[in-house]
Amino acid sequence: MDEIGIDKSLVEWREVEGEIVALDLKRSDYFTLNRTGALLWSKLKDGTTRGELAQLLSSDFEISAEQASADVDEFLLTLKERGLLVEGGK
């Protein structure tokens, strides 16, 4: 499966009390990620796969694999729409 990650040239972020506060440099727009999003972000910043993200979410939050996959897909779509997702390796 292809590796995906965050385009670090387009976003600056900090972890604050278990959440992510990020600045989308292209849009000059701040956004925040809750604990769940922060967990996924922590893996995406170094590169990962969709499957690894779903497995992580399922095990950390004790949800079904189907629910984890759906949540990961929604999260990745949001990042892709913002233009912050790098797909197919780095």
Protein backbone atom coordinates (compact mmCIF):
# COMPACT_ATOMS: atom_id res chain seq x y z
CA MET A 1 0.00 0.00 0.00
CA ASP A 2 1.24 3.50 -0.80
CA GLU A 3 2.68 5.69 1.88
CA ILE A 4 0.87 8.91 2.73
CA GLY A 5 1.96 11.87 4.78
CA ILE A 6 1.59 15.55 5.56
CA ASP A 7 3.14 18.07 3.16
CA LYS A 8 5.32 19.73 5.79
CA SER A 9 6.07 22.67 3.49
CA LEU A 10 2.42 23.74 3.63
CA VAL A 11 1.64 23.54 7.33
CA GLU A 12 3.12 24.48 10.71
CA TRP A 13 1.80 22.83 13.86
CA ARG A 14 2.26 22.38 17.56
CA GLU A 15 0.88 19.85 20.00
CA VAL A 16 -0.97 21.56 22.85
CA GLU A 17 -2.42 19.46 25.66
CA GLY A 18 -2.86 16.39 23.47
CA GLU A 19 -4.40 18.27 20.55
CA ILE A 20 -2.87 19.74 17.39
CA VAL A 21 -3.05 23.44 16.55
CA ALA A 22 -2.00 23.93 12.94
CA LEU A 23 -1.59 26.77 10.48
CA ASP A 24 -2.40 25.99 6.85
CA LEU A 25 0.22 28.23 5.21
CA LYS A 26 -1.48 28.17 1.82
CA ARG A 27 -4.80 29.41 3.18
CA SER A 28 -3.46 31.38 6.16
CA ASP A 29 -6.01 29.46 8.19
CA TYR A 30 -5.69 27.89 11.64
CA PHE A 31 -7.34 24.59 12.45
CA THR A 32 -7.28 22.23 15.41
CA LEU A 33 -7.36 18.48 15.74
CA ASN A 34 -8.78 16.69 18.74
CA ARG A 35 -7.06 13.77 20.44
CA THR A 36 -8.14 11.35 17.71
CA GLY A 37 -6.91 13.61 14.92
CA ALA A 38 -3.69 14.27 16.82
CA LEU A 39 -3.02 10.53 17.02
CA LEU A 40 -3.42 10.16 13.26
CA TRP A 41 -1.40 13.32 12.60
CA SER A 42 1.49 11.98 14.69
CA LYS A 43 1.82 9.06 12.27
CA LEU A 44 1.15 11.05 9.10
CA LYS A 45 3.91 13.56 9.82
CA ASP A 46 6.49 10.81 9.39
CA GLY A 47 4.67 8.86 6.67
CA THR A 48 2.40 5.86 7.07
CA THR A 49 -0.30 3.93 5.25
CA ARG A 50 -4.08 4.12 5.43
CA GLY A 51 -4.17 0.60 6.84
CA GLU A 52 -1.71 1.45 9.61
CA LEU A 53 -3.80 4.47 10.56
CA ALA A 54 -7.00 2.42 10.73
CA GLN A 55 -5.32 -0.27 12.82
CA LEU A 56 -3.91 2.36 15.22
CA LEU A 57 -7.30 4.02 15.62
CA SER A 58 -9.06 0.71 16.15
CA SER A 59 -6.65 -0.45 18.84
CA ASP A 60 -6.22 2.87 20.68
CA PHE A 61 -9.92 3.71 20.82
CA GLU A 62 -11.27 0.15 20.88
CA ILE A 63 -13.57 0.62 17.89
CA SER A 64 -14.36 -1.79 15.09
CA ALA A 65 -12.06 -2.03 12.10
CA GLU A 66 -14.92 -0.85 9.88
CA GLN A 67 -15.53 2.27 11.98
CA ALA A 68 -11.81 3.00 12.18
CA SER A 69 -11.48 2.71 8.39
CA ALA A 70 -14.42 5.05 7.82
CA ASP A 71 -13.02 7.59 10.30
CA VAL A 72 -9.57 7.46 8.71
CA ASP A 73 -11.05 7.90 5.23
CA GLU A 74 -12.98 10.97 6.37
CA PHE A 75 -9.89 12.45 8.04
CA LEU A 76 -7.70 11.83 4.99
CA LEU A 77 -10.32 13.33 2.67
CA THR A 78 -10.33 16.52 4.75
CA LEU A 79 -6.55 16.77 4.54
CA LYS A 80 -6.62 16.04 0.81
CA GLU A 81 -9.24 18.75 0.23
CA ARG A 82 -6.96 21.21 2.06
CA GLY A 83 -4.07 20.11 -0.18
CA LEU A 84 -2.01 18.99 2.82
CA LEU A 85 -1.79 15.27 2.02
CA VAL A 86 1.12 13.77 0.11
CA GLU A 87 0.24 10.42 -1.45
CA GLY A 88 2.35 7.69 -3.01
CA GLY A 89 5.44 8.04 -0.90
CA LYS A 90 7.76 10.92 -0.26
